[in-house]
Protein backbone atom coordinates (compact mmCIF):
# COMPACT_ATOMS: atom_id res chain seq x y z
CA UNK A 1 0.00 0.00 0.00
CA UNK A 2 1.32 3.37 -0.98
CA UNK A 3 1.23 6.22 1.55
CA UNK A 4 -0.46 9.34 0.19
CA UNK A 5 2.16 11.85 1.38
CA UNK A 6 0.28 14.82 -0.03
CA UNK A 7 -2.69 14.07 2.20
CA UNK A 8 -0.45 13.55 5.22
CA UNK A 9 1.28 16.86 4.52
CA UNK A 10 -1.98 18.72 4.07
CA UNK A 11 -3.31 17.26 7.31
CA UNK A 12 -0.18 18.47 9.09
CA UNK A 13 -0.54 21.97 7.67
CA UNK A 14 -4.21 22.03 8.70
CA UNK A 15 -3.26 20.97 12.23
CA UNK A 16 -0.64 23.71 12.54
CA UNK A 17 -3.11 26.31 11.23
CA UNK A 18 -5.81 25.15 13.65
CA UNK A 19 -3.46 25.35 16.63
CA UNK A 20 -2.40 28.83 15.50
CA UNK A 21 -6.04 29.93 15.49
CA UNK A 22 -6.47 28.64 19.05
CA UNK A 23 -3.38 30.54 20.22
CA UNK A 24 -4.54 33.77 18.57
CA UNK A 25 -7.98 33.51 20.15
CA UNK A 26 -6.52 32.95 23.60
CA UNK A 27 -4.07 35.80 23.15
CA UNK A 28 -6.82 38.18 22.03
CA UNK A 29 -8.62 37.60 25.33
CA UNK A 30 -5.67 38.88 27.32
CA UNK A 31 -5.50 42.62 27.67
CA UNK A 32 -2.14 44.34 27.48
CA UNK A 33 -1.84 47.22 29.92
CA UNK A 34 0.16 50.39 29.59
CA UNK A 35 3.02 50.28 32.14
CA UNK A 36 1.74 53.44 33.84
CA UNK A 37 -1.76 51.97 34.18
CA UNK A 38 -0.39 48.72 35.54
CA UNK A 39 1.78 50.56 38.06
CA UNK A 40 -1.21 52.64 39.20
CA UNK A 41 -3.36 49.52 39.67
CA UNK A 42 -0.64 47.79 41.66
CA UNK A 43 -0.15 50.83 43.91
CA UNK A 44 -3.91 50.96 44.45
CA UNK A 45 -4.02 47.28 45.44
CA UNK A 46 -1.05 47.77 47.76
CA UNK A 47 -2.79 50.69 49.47
CA UNK A 48 -5.91 48.55 49.92
CA UNK A 49 -3.95 45.73 51.54
CA UNK A 50 -2.12 48.10 53.86
CA UNK A 51 -5.40 49.73 54.91
CA UNK A 52 -7.14 46.41 55.62
CA UNK A 53 -6.54 44.83 59.04
CA UNK A 54 -4.35 41.75 58.97
CA UNK A 55 -6.25 38.54 59.74
CA UNK A 56 -5.06 36.64 62.80
CA UNK A 57 -3.61 33.29 61.80
CA UNK A 58 -4.04 31.87 65.30
CA UNK A 59 -1.34 29.22 64.86
CA UNK A 60 1.62 31.41 65.80
CA UNK A 61 3.39 30.81 62.49
CA UNK A 62 3.83 34.53 61.87
CA UNK A 63 5.33 35.27 65.26
CA UNK A 64 9.01 36.13 65.53
CA UNK A 65 9.59 34.16 68.73
CA UNK A 66 12.72 31.98 68.72
PDB file of N, CA and C in Angstrom:
ATOM      1  N   UNK A   1       0.854  -1.178   0.000  1.00  0.00           N
ATOM      2  CA  UNK A   1       0.000   0.000   0.000  1.00  0.00           C
ATOM      3  C   UNK A   1       0.895   1.235   0.000  1.00  0.00           C
ATOM      4  N   UNK A   2       0.554   2.144  -0.826  1.00  0.00           N
ATOM      5  CA  UNK A   2       1.325   3.367  -0.983  1.00  0.00           C
ATOM      6  C   UNK A   2       0.766   4.466  -0.063  1.00  0.00           C
ATOM      7  N   UNK A   3       1.650   5.169   0.621  1.00  0.00           N
ATOM      8  CA  UNK A   3       1.233   6.223   1.548  1.00  0.00           C
ATOM      9  C   UNK A   3       0.996   7.507   0.757  1.00  0.00           C
ATOM     10  N   UNK A   4      -0.171   8.076   0.894  1.00  0.00           N
ATOM     11  CA  UNK A   4      -0.458   9.337   0.192  1.00  0.00           C
ATOM     12  C   UNK A   4       0.168  10.527   0.938  1.00  0.00           C
ATOM     13  N   UNK A   5       1.422  10.833   0.639  1.00  0.00           N
ATOM     14  CA  UNK A   5       2.161  11.846   1.381  1.00  0.00           C
ATOM     15  C   UNK A   5       1.565  13.242   1.235  1.00  0.00           C
ATOM     16  N   UNK A   6       0.918  13.509   0.118  1.00  0.00           N
ATOM     17  CA  UNK A   6       0.281  14.824  -0.034  1.00  0.00           C
ATOM     18  C   UNK A   6      -0.818  15.019   1.009  1.00  0.00           C
ATOM     19  N   UNK A   7      -1.586  13.982   1.226  1.00  0.00           N
ATOM     20  CA  UNK A   7      -2.688  14.073   2.200  1.00  0.00           C
ATOM     21  C   UNK A   7      -2.128  14.198   3.617  1.00  0.00           C
ATOM     22  N   UNK A   8      -1.073  13.455   3.892  1.00  0.00           N
ATOM     23  CA  UNK A   8      -0.447  13.545   5.217  1.00  0.00           C
ATOM     24  C   UNK A   8       0.106  14.957   5.434  1.00  0.00           C
ATOM     25  N   UNK A   9       0.744  15.499   4.419  1.00  0.00           N
ATOM     26  CA  UNK A   9       1.280  16.859   4.521  1.00  0.00           C
ATOM     27  C   UNK A   9       0.199  17.907   4.700  1.00  0.00           C
ATOM     28  N   UNK A  10      -0.878  17.773   3.933  1.00  0.00           N
ATOM     29  CA  UNK A  10      -1.984  18.723   4.065  1.00  0.00           C
ATOM     30  C   UNK A  10      -2.647  18.631   5.432  1.00  0.00           C
ATOM     31  N   UNK A  11      -2.743  17.427   5.972  1.00  0.00           N
ATOM     32  CA  UNK A  11      -3.314  17.259   7.315  1.00  0.00           C
ATOM     33  C   UNK A  11      -2.411  17.930   8.357  1.00  0.00           C
ATOM     34  N   UNK A  12      -1.119  17.814   8.173  1.00  0.00           N
ATOM     35  CA  UNK A  12      -0.183  18.470   9.092  1.00  0.00           C
ATOM     36  C   UNK A  12      -0.294  19.982   9.034  1.00  0.00           C
ATOM     37  N   UNK A  13      -0.382  20.517   7.825  1.00  0.00           N
ATOM     38  CA  UNK A  13      -0.537  21.967   7.668  1.00  0.00           C
ATOM     39  C   UNK A  13      -1.851  22.432   8.295  1.00  0.00           C
ATOM     40  N   UNK A  14      -2.913  21.674   8.108  1.00  0.00           N
ATOM     41  CA  UNK A  14      -4.206  22.035   8.699  1.00  0.00           C
ATOM     42  C   UNK A  14      -4.130  22.014  10.224  1.00  0.00           C
ATOM     43  N   UNK A  15      -3.409  21.047  10.777  1.00  0.00           N
ATOM     44  CA  UNK A  15      -3.262  20.975  12.232  1.00  0.00           C
ATOM     45  C   UNK A  15      -2.495  22.162  12.784  1.00  0.00           C
ATOM     46  N   UNK A  16      -1.425  22.555  12.102  1.00  0.00           N
ATOM     47  CA  UNK A  16      -0.641  23.714  12.542  1.00  0.00           C
ATOM     48  C   UNK A  16      -1.491  24.978  12.454  1.00  0.00           C
ATOM     49  N   UNK A  17      -2.251  25.126  11.386  1.00  0.00           N
ATOM     50  CA  UNK A  17      -3.109  26.306  11.235  1.00  0.00           C
ATOM     51  C   UNK A  17      -4.185  26.347  12.312  1.00  0.00           C
ATOM     52  N   UNK A  18      -4.763  25.195  12.626  1.00  0.00           N
ATOM     53  CA  UNK A  18      -5.807  25.153  13.653  1.00  0.00           C
ATOM     54  C   UNK A  18      -5.241  25.509  15.025  1.00  0.00           C
ATOM     55  N   UNK A  19      -4.052  25.011  15.335  1.00  0.00           N
ATOM     56  CA  UNK A  19      -3.463  25.352  16.631  1.00  0.00           C
ATOM     57  C   UNK A  19      -3.080  26.825  16.675  1.00  0.00           C
ATOM     58  N   UNK A  20      -2.690  27.401  15.545  1.00  0.00           N
ATOM     59  CA  UNK A  20      -2.404  28.834  15.498  1.00  0.00           C
ATOM     60  C   UNK A  20      -3.643  29.663  15.766  1.00  0.00           C
ATOM     61  N   UNK A  21      -4.774  29.217  15.253  1.00  0.00           N
ATOM     62  CA  UNK A  21      -6.037  29.926  15.491  1.00  0.00           C
ATOM     63  C   UNK A  21      -6.384  29.893  16.974  1.00  0.00           C
ATOM     64  N   UNK A  22      -6.174  28.764  17.613  1.00  0.00           N
ATOM     65  CA  UNK A  22      -6.466  28.642  19.048  1.00  0.00           C
ATOM     66  C   UNK A  22      -5.583  29.589  19.851  1.00  0.00           C
ATOM     67  N   UNK A  23      -4.307  29.654  19.502  1.00  0.00           N
ATOM     68  CA  UNK A  23      -3.380  30.537  20.215  1.00  0.00           C
ATOM     69  C   UNK A  23      -3.783  31.992  20.040  1.00  0.00           C
ATOM     70  N   UNK A  24      -4.139  32.381  18.824  1.00  0.00           N
ATOM     71  CA  UNK A  24      -4.536  33.770  18.567  1.00  0.00           C
ATOM     72  C   UNK A  24      -5.796  34.123  19.343  1.00  0.00           C
ATOM     73  N   UNK A  25      -6.748  33.224  19.407  1.00  0.00           N
ATOM     74  CA  UNK A  25      -7.984  33.511  20.149  1.00  0.00           C
ATOM     75  C   UNK A  25      -7.721  33.660  21.639  1.00  0.00           C
ATOM     76  N   UNK A  26      -6.851  32.830  22.177  1.00  0.00           N
ATOM     77  CA  UNK A  26      -6.524  32.954  23.602  1.00  0.00           C
ATOM     78  C   UNK A  26      -5.779  34.254  23.867  1.00  0.00           C
ATOM     79  N   UNK A  27      -4.875  34.598  22.981  1.00  0.00           N
ATOM     80  CA  UNK A  27      -4.065  35.804  23.149  1.00  0.00           C
ATOM     81  C   UNK A  27      -4.930  37.061  23.053  1.00  0.00           C
ATOM     82  N   UNK A  28      -5.944  37.026  22.201  1.00  0.00           N
ATOM     83  CA  UNK A  28      -6.817  38.177  22.026  1.00  0.00           C
ATOM     84  C   UNK A  28      -7.598  38.452  23.300  1.00  0.00           C
ATOM     85  N   UNK A  29      -7.874  37.423  24.097  1.00  0.00           N
ATOM     86  CA  UNK A  29      -8.624  37.598  25.329  1.00  0.00           C
ATOM     87  C   UNK A  29      -7.828  38.275  26.426  1.00  0.00           C
ATOM     88  N   UNK A  30      -6.512  38.237  26.321  1.00  0.00           N
ATOM     89  CA  UNK A  30      -5.672  38.882  27.319  1.00  0.00           C
ATOM     90  C   UNK A  30      -5.502  40.344  26.945  1.00  0.00           C
ATOM     91  N   UNK A  31      -5.627  41.197  27.934  1.00  0.00           N
ATOM     92  CA  UNK A  31      -5.497  42.622  27.674  1.00  0.00           C
ATOM     93  C   UNK A  31      -4.093  43.069  28.052  1.00  0.00           C
ATOM     94  N   UNK A  32      -3.463  43.803  27.177  1.00  0.00           N
ATOM     95  CA  UNK A  32      -2.142  44.343  27.482  1.00  0.00           C
ATOM     96  C   UNK A  32      -2.329  45.735  28.066  1.00  0.00           C
ATOM     97  N   UNK A  33      -1.700  45.959  29.222  1.00  0.00           N
ATOM     98  CA  UNK A  33      -1.836  47.223  29.923  1.00  0.00           C
ATOM     99  C   UNK A  33      -0.635  48.122  29.622  1.00  0.00           C
ATOM    100  N   UNK A  34      -0.905  49.400  29.659  1.00  0.00           N
ATOM    101  CA  UNK A  34       0.158  50.387  29.587  1.00  0.00           C
ATOM    102  C   UNK A  34       0.933  50.299  30.908  1.00  0.00           C
ATOM    103  N   UNK A  35       2.259  50.399  30.885  1.00  0.00           N
ATOM    104  CA  UNK A  35       3.024  50.280  32.139  1.00  0.00           C
ATOM    105  C   UNK A  35       2.580  51.258  33.223  1.00  0.00           C
ATOM    106  N   UNK A  36       2.201  52.464  32.843  1.00  0.00           N
ATOM    107  CA  UNK A  36       1.744  53.441  33.842  1.00  0.00           C
ATOM    108  C   UNK A  36       0.423  53.003  34.465  1.00  0.00           C
ATOM    109  N   UNK A  37      -0.485  52.461  33.648  1.00  0.00           N
ATOM    110  CA  UNK A  37      -1.764  51.970  34.179  1.00  0.00           C
ATOM    111  C   UNK A  37      -1.548  50.792  35.113  1.00  0.00           C
ATOM    112  N   UNK A  38      -0.670  49.887  34.713  1.00  0.00           N
ATOM    113  CA  UNK A  38      -0.386  48.720  35.542  1.00  0.00           C
ATOM    114  C   UNK A  38       0.226  49.135  36.872  1.00  0.00           C
ATOM    115  N   UNK A  39       1.149  50.069  36.835  1.00  0.00           N
ATOM    116  CA  UNK A  39       1.782  50.555  38.058  1.00  0.00           C
ATOM    117  C   UNK A  39       0.745  51.200  38.967  1.00  0.00           C
ATOM    118  N   UNK A  40      -0.171  51.977  38.398  1.00  0.00           N
ATOM    119  CA  UNK A  40      -1.212  52.639  39.196  1.00  0.00           C
ATOM    120  C   UNK A  40      -2.127  51.603  39.847  1.00  0.00           C
ATOM    121  N   UNK A  41      -2.497  50.570  39.104  1.00  0.00           N
ATOM    122  CA  UNK A  41      -3.359  49.525  39.671  1.00  0.00           C
ATOM    123  C   UNK A  41      -2.653  48.778  40.799  1.00  0.00           C
ATOM    124  N   UNK A  42      -1.377  48.492  40.603  1.00  0.00           N
ATOM    125  CA  UNK A  42      -0.635  47.792  41.659  1.00  0.00           C
ATOM    126  C   UNK A  42      -0.494  48.647  42.910  1.00  0.00           C
ATOM    127  N   UNK A  43      -0.234  49.947  42.743  1.00  0.00           N
ATOM    128  CA  UNK A  43      -0.148  50.832  43.907  1.00  0.00           C
ATOM    129  C   UNK A  43      -1.500  50.927  44.628  1.00  0.00           C
ATOM    130  N   UNK A  44      -2.576  50.924  43.849  1.00  0.00           N
ATOM    131  CA  UNK A  44      -3.913  50.960  44.449  1.00  0.00           C
ATOM    132  C   UNK A  44      -4.174  49.692  45.259  1.00  0.00           C
ATOM    133  N   UNK A  45      -3.816  48.534  44.713  1.00  0.00           N
ATOM    134  CA  UNK A  45      -4.018  47.280  45.444  1.00  0.00           C
ATOM    135  C   UNK A  45      -3.152  47.226  46.690  1.00  0.00           C
ATOM    136  N   UNK A  46      -1.928  47.752  46.596  1.00  0.00           N
ATOM    137  CA  UNK A  46      -1.046  47.771  47.763  1.00  0.00           C
ATOM    138  C   UNK A  46      -1.629  48.655  48.859  1.00  0.00           C
ATOM    139  N   UNK A  47      -2.173  49.793  48.494  1.00  0.00           N
ATOM    140  CA  UNK A  47      -2.787  50.689  49.473  1.00  0.00           C
ATOM    141  C   UNK A  47      -3.986  50.022  50.139  1.00  0.00           C
ATOM    142  N   UNK A  48      -4.764  49.263  49.355  1.00  0.00           N
ATOM    143  CA  UNK A  48      -5.913  48.553  49.922  1.00  0.00           C
ATOM    144  C   UNK A  48      -5.471  47.496  50.926  1.00  0.00           C
ATOM    145  N   UNK A  49      -4.407  46.772  50.620  1.00  0.00           N
ATOM    146  CA  UNK A  49      -3.951  45.726  51.543  1.00  0.00           C
ATOM    147  C   UNK A  49      -3.341  46.321  52.800  1.00  0.00           C
ATOM    148  N   UNK A  50      -2.694  47.463  52.667  1.00  0.00           N
ATOM    149  CA  UNK A  50      -2.124  48.102  53.861  1.00  0.00           C
ATOM    150  C   UNK A  50      -3.210  48.691  54.738  1.00  0.00           C
ATOM    151  N   UNK A  51      -4.311  49.132  54.145  1.00  0.00           N
ATOM    152  CA  UNK A  51      -5.404  49.731  54.911  1.00  0.00           C
ATOM    153  C   UNK A  51      -6.249  48.675  55.608  1.00  0.00           C
ATOM    154  N   UNK A  52      -6.322  47.475  55.046  1.00  0.00           N
ATOM    155  CA  UNK A  52      -7.141  46.409  55.624  1.00  0.00           C
ATOM    156  C   UNK A  52      -6.423  45.814  56.833  1.00  0.00           C
ATOM    157  N   UNK A  53      -7.178  45.461  57.884  1.00  0.00           N
ATOM    158  CA  UNK A  53      -6.545  44.834  59.041  1.00  0.00           C
ATOM    159  C   UNK A  53      -6.051  43.433  58.692  1.00  0.00           C
ATOM    160  N   UNK A  54      -4.920  43.071  59.241  1.00  0.00           N
ATOM    161  CA  UNK A  54      -4.346  41.749  58.974  1.00  0.00           C
ATOM    162  C   UNK A  54      -5.139  40.691  59.715  1.00  0.00           C
ATOM    163  N   UNK A  55      -5.518  39.607  59.044  1.00  0.00           N
ATOM    164  CA  UNK A  55      -6.250  38.539  59.736  1.00  0.00           C
ATOM    165  C   UNK A  55      -5.313  37.799  60.689  1.00  0.00           C
ATOM    166  N   UNK A  56      -5.853  37.377  61.815  1.00  0.00           N
ATOM    167  CA  UNK A  56      -5.059  36.642  62.804  1.00  0.00           C
ATOM    168  C   UNK A  56      -4.998  35.180  62.401  1.00  0.00           C
ATOM    169  N   UNK A  57      -3.781  34.680  62.219  1.00  0.00           N
ATOM    170  CA  UNK A  57      -3.612  33.286  61.797  1.00  0.00           C
ATOM    171  C   UNK A  57      -3.985  32.339  62.930  1.00  0.00           C
ATOM    172  N   UNK A  58      -3.647  32.705  64.166  1.00  0.00           N
ATOM    173  CA  UNK A  58      -4.035  31.874  65.299  1.00  0.00           C
ATOM    174  C   UNK A  58      -3.116  30.707  65.560  1.00  0.00           C
ATOM    175  N   UNK A  59      -2.215  30.362  64.640  1.00  0.00           N
ATOM    176  CA  UNK A  59      -1.344  29.218  64.861  1.00  0.00           C
ATOM    177  C   UNK A  59       0.065  29.644  65.298  1.00  0.00           C
ATOM    178  N   UNK A  60       0.328  30.937  65.349  1.00  0.00           N
ATOM    179  CA  UNK A  60       1.622  31.412  65.798  1.00  0.00           C
ATOM    180  C   UNK A  60       2.723  31.296  64.749  1.00  0.00           C
ATOM    181  N   UNK A  61       2.378  30.967  63.533  1.00  0.00           N
ATOM    182  CA  UNK A  61       3.386  30.808  62.487  1.00  0.00           C
ATOM    183  C   UNK A  61       4.028  32.131  62.109  1.00  0.00           C
ATOM    184  N   UNK A  62       3.311  33.229  62.273  1.00  0.00           N
ATOM    185  CA  UNK A  62       3.828  34.532  61.867  1.00  0.00           C
ATOM    186  C   UNK A  62       4.598  35.220  62.982  1.00  0.00           C
ATOM    187  N   UNK A  63       4.642  34.616  64.161  1.00  0.00           N
ATOM    188  CA  UNK A  63       5.326  35.266  65.265  1.00  0.00           C
ATOM    189  C   UNK A  63       6.840  35.126  65.097  1.00  0.00           C
ATOM    190  N   UNK A  64       7.558  36.110  65.666  1.00  0.00           N
ATOM    191  CA  UNK A  64       9.008  36.127  65.532  1.00  0.00           C
ATOM    192  C   UNK A  64       9.697  35.566  66.770  1.00  0.00           C
ATOM    193  N   UNK A  65       9.001  34.748  67.532  1.00  0.00           N
ATOM    194  CA  UNK A  65       9.591  34.161  68.727  1.00  0.00           C
ATOM    195  C   UNK A  65      10.572  33.073  68.348  1.00  0.00           C
ATOM    196  N   UNK A  66      11.721  33.020  69.038  1.00  0.00           N
ATOM    197  CA  UNK A  66      12.716  31.979  68.723  1.00  0.00           C
ATOM    198  C   UNK A  66      12.328  30.616  69.178  1.00  0.00           C
TER     199      UNK A  66
END
